[in-house]
Protein backbone atom coordinates (compact mmCIF):
# COMPACT_ATOMS: atom_id res chain seq x y z
CA MET A 1 -14.07 14.77 -6.12
CA ARG A 2 -11.23 12.70 -7.71
CA ILE A 3 -9.04 14.66 -10.08
CA ALA A 4 -6.85 12.55 -12.41
CA ARG A 5 -4.17 13.47 -14.95
CA PHE A 6 -4.20 10.97 -17.80
CA ALA A 7 -2.95 10.31 -21.30
CA ILE A 8 -4.71 8.89 -24.42
CA GLY A 9 -1.94 8.39 -26.91
CA ASP A 10 0.08 11.68 -26.92
CA GLU A 11 -2.74 13.82 -25.50
CA VAL A 12 -2.54 14.65 -21.73
CA SER A 13 -5.52 15.96 -19.91
CA TYR A 14 -6.98 16.31 -16.47
CA GLY A 15 -10.32 14.72 -15.74
CA VAL A 16 -12.86 13.97 -12.93
CA VAL A 17 -13.00 10.34 -11.98
CA ASP A 18 -16.33 9.01 -11.09
CA ALA A 19 -16.45 7.44 -7.61
CA ASP A 20 -19.08 4.76 -7.96
CA GLY A 21 -17.89 2.49 -4.99
CA ALA A 22 -15.46 0.43 -6.90
CA ALA A 23 -12.92 -1.21 -4.43
CA ASP A 24 -9.70 0.77 -3.91
CA HIS A 25 -7.39 -2.23 -4.27
CA GLY A 26 -5.99 -3.98 -7.18
CA ASN A 27 -4.36 -3.68 -10.52
CA GLY A 28 -1.04 -2.19 -11.59
CA THR A 29 -2.11 1.34 -12.42
CA SER A 30 -4.07 2.23 -9.37
CA ALA A 31 -7.14 0.95 -7.66
CA SER A 32 -9.55 -1.55 -9.38
CA THR A 33 -10.92 0.36 -12.27
CA ARG A 34 -14.08 -1.66 -12.98
CA GLY A 35 -16.93 0.75 -13.46
CA LEU A 36 -14.79 3.87 -13.16
CA SER A 37 -14.62 6.47 -15.90
CA VAL A 38 -12.88 9.76 -16.26
CA ALA A 39 -14.59 12.90 -17.64
CA GLN A 40 -12.26 15.14 -19.48
CA MET A 41 -11.66 18.71 -18.37
CA SER A 42 -10.60 21.68 -20.36
CA GLY A 43 -7.48 23.26 -18.95
CA HIS A 44 -6.16 22.39 -15.44
CA PRO A 45 -7.68 22.74 -12.03
CA PHE A 46 -4.81 24.81 -10.38
CA GLY A 47 -4.61 28.41 -9.63
CA PRO A 48 -6.96 31.28 -8.57
CA ALA A 49 -8.83 31.15 -11.95
CA ALA A 50 -9.02 27.45 -12.18
CA GLU A 51 -12.42 25.79 -12.41
CA VAL A 52 -13.62 22.38 -13.17
CA ALA A 53 -15.04 22.67 -16.87
CA LEU A 54 -15.78 19.45 -18.75
CA THR A 55 -15.31 18.93 -22.46
CA GLY A 56 -18.09 16.30 -22.57
CA ASP A 57 -15.74 13.47 -23.45
CA ARG A 58 -15.66 10.53 -21.13
CA TYR A 59 -13.39 7.47 -21.10
CA PRO A 60 -13.19 4.28 -19.09
CA VAL A 61 -10.29 4.53 -16.61
CA ALA A 62 -9.14 1.15 -17.66
CA ASP A 63 -8.72 2.53 -21.27
CA VAL A 64 -6.43 5.49 -20.28
CA ARG A 65 -2.93 5.72 -18.88
CA LEU A 66 -3.07 7.42 -15.44
CA LEU A 67 -0.12 9.79 -14.98
CA ALA A 68 1.26 11.51 -11.90
CA PRO A 69 -1.75 13.63 -10.94
CA VAL A 70 0.41 16.88 -10.54
CA LEU A 71 3.85 17.99 -11.80
CA PRO A 72 4.93 20.21 -8.84
CA SER A 73 7.61 22.97 -8.84
CA LYS A 74 8.84 21.30 -5.71
CA ILE A 75 7.98 18.59 -3.27
CA VAL A 76 8.51 19.51 0.44
CA ALA A 77 8.88 16.34 2.70
CA ILE A 78 8.67 15.82 6.42
CA GLY A 79 10.91 13.37 8.13
CA ARG A 80 10.35 11.37 11.31
CA ASN A 81 6.66 12.49 11.61
CA TYR A 82 5.50 9.11 13.10
CA ALA A 83 7.09 8.23 16.53
CA GLU A 84 7.52 4.52 15.77
CA HIS A 85 9.27 5.28 12.51
CA ALA A 86 11.63 7.78 14.19
CA ARG A 87 12.50 5.03 16.79
CA GLU A 88 12.97 2.15 14.20
CA PHE A 89 16.14 3.98 13.18
CA GLY A 90 17.17 4.97 16.69
CA ASN A 91 16.02 8.57 16.59
CA GLU A 92 13.72 10.39 18.97
CA PRO A 93 10.67 12.17 17.38
CA PRO A 94 11.66 15.77 16.55
CA ALA A 95 10.17 18.52 18.56
CA GLU A 96 9.62 20.69 15.39
CA PRO A 97 8.86 19.39 11.81
CA LEU A 98 11.97 18.21 10.03
CA ILE A 99 11.82 19.57 6.56
CA PHE A 100 13.75 18.29 3.41
CA LEU A 101 13.11 18.74 -0.40
CA LYS A 102 12.84 16.23 -3.34
CA PRO A 103 13.24 17.53 -6.78
CA SER A 104 10.34 17.79 -9.13
CA THR A 105 12.27 15.36 -11.56
CA ALA A 106 11.81 12.50 -9.08
CA VAL A 107 8.03 12.41 -9.83
CA ILE A 108 6.55 9.41 -11.58
CA GLY A 109 3.00 8.10 -11.76
CA PRO A 110 1.05 4.92 -11.22
CA GLY A 111 2.45 1.89 -12.92
CA ASP A 112 5.71 3.61 -13.68
CA ALA A 113 9.00 1.83 -12.75
CA ILE A 114 10.91 2.89 -9.52
CA VAL A 115 14.59 2.45 -10.73
CA ARG A 116 17.27 1.35 -8.34
CA PRO A 117 20.49 3.29 -8.97
CA GLY A 118 22.56 0.03 -8.84
CA ARG A 119 25.99 1.53 -9.21
CA LEU A 120 25.43 4.01 -6.47
CA SER A 121 23.09 2.36 -3.97
CA GLN A 122 22.73 -1.12 -2.70
CA ARG A 123 19.60 -0.35 -0.37
CA VAL A 124 16.54 1.40 -1.74
CA ASP A 125 13.56 1.62 0.62
CA PHE A 126 9.85 2.20 0.28
CA GLU A 127 8.06 4.89 2.51
CA GLY A 128 4.36 5.09 2.02
CA GLU A 129 2.95 8.62 2.77
CA LEU A 130 -0.07 10.91 2.58
CA ALA A 131 0.64 13.80 0.25
CA ILE A 132 -0.95 17.20 0.25
CA VAL A 133 -1.43 18.97 -3.13
CA PHE A 134 -1.82 22.91 -2.87
CA GLY A 135 -4.34 24.74 -5.05
CA ARG A 136 -3.06 28.27 -4.70
CA LEU A 137 0.00 30.40 -3.97
CA CYS A 138 0.54 30.69 -0.24
CA ARG A 139 2.96 32.14 2.22
CA ASP A 140 2.80 32.40 6.03
CA VAL A 141 -0.57 30.49 6.30
CA PRO A 142 -1.88 30.52 9.93
CA PRO A 143 -3.26 27.16 10.92
CA ALA A 144 -6.83 28.20 10.95
CA ARG A 145 -6.70 29.08 7.31
CA VAL A 146 -4.81 25.98 6.03
CA PRO A 147 -8.01 24.30 4.47
CA GLU A 148 -8.16 27.31 2.10
CA VAL A 149 -4.85 26.52 0.48
CA ILE A 150 -5.21 22.71 0.19
CA PHE A 151 -6.54 21.40 -3.14
CA GLY A 152 -6.62 17.78 -2.10
CA TYR A 153 -4.71 14.65 -1.18
CA THR A 154 -2.98 11.82 -2.96
CA CYS A 155 -0.84 8.80 -2.16
CA ALA A 156 3.06 8.98 -2.35
CA ASN A 157 6.10 6.93 -1.93
CA ASP A 158 9.12 8.75 -0.56
CA VAL A 159 11.65 6.34 -2.18
CA THR A 160 15.06 6.48 -0.29
CA ALA A 161 18.45 5.24 -0.93
CA ARG A 162 18.96 4.26 2.70
CA ASP A 163 22.71 3.48 2.45
CA LEU A 164 23.34 7.04 0.97
CA GLN A 165 21.15 8.72 3.53
CA ALA A 166 23.41 7.31 6.20
CA SER A 167 26.64 7.92 4.50
CA ASP A 168 25.94 11.40 3.31
CA GLY A 169 24.71 12.98 6.47
CA GLN A 170 22.16 14.83 4.50
CA TRP A 171 19.26 13.61 2.46
CA ALA A 172 19.48 15.39 -0.97
CA ARG A 173 21.09 12.53 -2.98
CA ALA A 174 19.38 9.68 -0.98
CA LYS A 175 15.78 11.18 -1.70
CA GLY A 176 16.44 12.81 -5.15
CA PHE A 177 17.07 10.18 -7.68
CA ASP A 178 14.80 10.25 -10.75
CA THR A 179 11.72 8.00 -10.22
CA PHE A 180 11.94 8.38 -6.24
CA CYS A 181 8.58 10.17 -5.80
CA PRO A 182 5.70 8.15 -7.26
CA LEU A 183 2.44 10.08 -6.77
CA GLY A 184 -1.20 8.91 -7.58
CA PRO A 185 -3.45 7.49 -8.66
CA TRP A 186 -5.47 10.79 -8.35
CA ILE A 187 -6.20 13.75 -6.14
CA GLU A 188 -9.10 13.43 -3.76
CA THR A 189 -10.39 16.88 -3.05
CA ASP A 190 -13.08 16.10 -0.46
CA LEU A 191 -11.62 14.02 2.44
CA ASP A 192 -11.03 14.45 6.12
CA VAL A 193 -7.65 13.11 6.54
CA THR A 194 -7.41 13.34 10.31
CA ASP A 195 -7.71 9.60 10.78
CA VAL A 196 -7.44 7.42 7.73
CA ARG A 197 -5.59 4.16 7.35
CA LEU A 198 -2.36 4.03 5.34
CA THR A 199 -0.89 0.68 4.27
CA THR A 200 2.08 -0.34 2.08
CA THR A 201 2.49 -3.60 0.63
CA VAL A 202 5.40 -5.23 -1.21
CA ASN A 203 4.31 -8.17 -3.45
CA ASP A 204 1.03 -8.15 -1.71
CA GLU A 205 2.67 -8.49 1.81
CA VAL A 206 1.66 -5.76 4.20
CA LYS A 207 4.74 -3.95 5.39
CA GLN A 208 3.30 -0.65 6.85
CA ASP A 209 -0.08 -0.38 8.47
CA SER A 210 -0.89 2.83 10.32
CA ARG A 211 -3.29 5.79 10.50
CA THR A 212 -2.76 9.49 9.97
CA SER A 213 -4.17 10.17 13.39
CA LEU A 214 -0.60 9.09 14.63
CA LEU A 215 1.10 11.99 12.81
CA ILE A 216 3.34 13.83 15.39
CA HIS A 217 2.67 17.13 13.63
CA GLY A 218 -0.78 17.42 12.01
CA ILE A 219 -1.61 18.93 8.72
CA ALA A 220 -2.35 22.33 9.93
CA THR A 221 0.90 22.51 11.93
CA LEU A 222 2.90 21.22 8.97
CA VAL A 223 1.57 23.70 6.44
CA SER A 224 1.86 26.68 8.75
CA TYR A 225 5.49 25.70 9.52
CA VAL A 226 6.46 25.16 6.00
CA THR A 227 4.88 28.27 4.46
CA ALA A 228 6.57 30.33 7.29
CA VAL A 229 9.81 29.32 5.45
CA MET A 230 8.91 29.24 1.73
CA THR A 231 6.23 30.17 -0.69
CA LEU A 232 4.31 27.19 -2.06
CA LEU A 233 2.85 27.34 -5.60
CA PRO A 234 -0.30 25.85 -7.07
CA GLY A 235 0.33 22.17 -7.70
CA ASP A 236 3.20 21.85 -5.04
CA VAL A 237 3.24 18.83 -2.90
CA LEU A 238 3.82 18.26 0.83
CA LEU A 239 4.86 14.71 1.97
CA THR A 240 3.62 14.36 5.57
CA GLY A 241 5.88 11.55 6.83
CA THR A 242 5.98 7.82 6.79
CA PRO A 243 5.01 5.21 9.61
CA ALA A 244 7.07 2.39 10.79
CA GLY A 245 7.85 -0.58 8.68
CA VAL A 246 9.87 0.82 5.97
CA GLY A 247 12.04 -1.70 4.20
CA PRO A 248 14.07 -2.45 1.14
CA LEU A 249 12.86 -3.05 -2.54
CA GLY A 250 14.40 -5.37 -5.05
CA ALA A 251 14.05 -5.54 -8.84
CA GLY A 252 10.90 -7.18 -9.83
CA ASP A 253 9.02 -6.22 -6.64
CA THR A 254 5.61 -4.53 -6.77
CA VAL A 255 5.00 -1.93 -4.10
CA SER A 256 1.56 -0.42 -3.38
CA VAL A 257 0.62 2.54 -1.10
CA SER A 258 -3.02 2.58 -0.18
CA ILE A 259 -4.86 5.33 1.74
CA GLU A 260 -8.37 5.00 2.89
CA GLY A 261 -10.69 7.42 0.95
CA ILE A 262 -8.07 7.98 -1.82
CA GLY A 263 -7.01 4.69 -3.49
CA THR A 264 -3.97 2.72 -4.38
CA LEU A 265 -0.70 3.88 -5.85
CA THR A 266 1.15 0.80 -7.53
CA ASN A 267 4.71 0.86 -8.97
CA ARG A 268 7.11 -1.89 -10.06
CA VAL A 269 10.69 -1.88 -9.31
CA ALA A 270 13.56 -2.29 -11.79
CA ASP A 271 17.31 -2.05 -11.62
CA GLY A 272 19.15 0.80 -13.45
CA ASP A 273 22.70 0.85 -14.69
């Protein structure tokens, strides 16, 4: 099931997107929306009492504005979780997951602009990633029970001010600017992500092309490791790491992260002050 968060005018709702076989590549908001519609839900799908209850209203996806599919209390991210990405910056793959945080204010949705902080950074990079969305409060989750706490998966772009990451010696500023965490186009709740293809394109040129089977630390390991440290709340997001091929973005670029079985997250790039 695909769960989207969308707006019609000033009204924001969740809905179920019909998956009718339309291609998952294309326009500026997400995947091709030809033939897709969204059935409006009442309420939201997160938390122990959440359920998918439909209002009966349905809209063509092309006629609504897709938003970030979730507004998390926090985004937990994993660094250097593909061996070739670790090595492209001269690092060895870590023996344990490398955790950092991105603020919730970094989240934007499909079609929104990634804003380069021109006064503060001269090098802003894309990092396409598989993101996990949690459906319930969880803490100290053993690996065998990880599927019970995952609501679904979406596409993410862990946008990074690479020069600040190098100069600061820690990653909070480099990873934390407003607009530096695009998510979308929706959440896929029924997908085996053990081995799916992940690609990132900039202006339709493929920059990253890998598979989730190459994650150093798999989904169960990551969730168990992170929840041993902190409590995750319904709607929280875990970014699982980016493959090799990251690179800079310039004003006017269009960057798309595509994950097999989910869809395509597309954002434009603009310069800030």
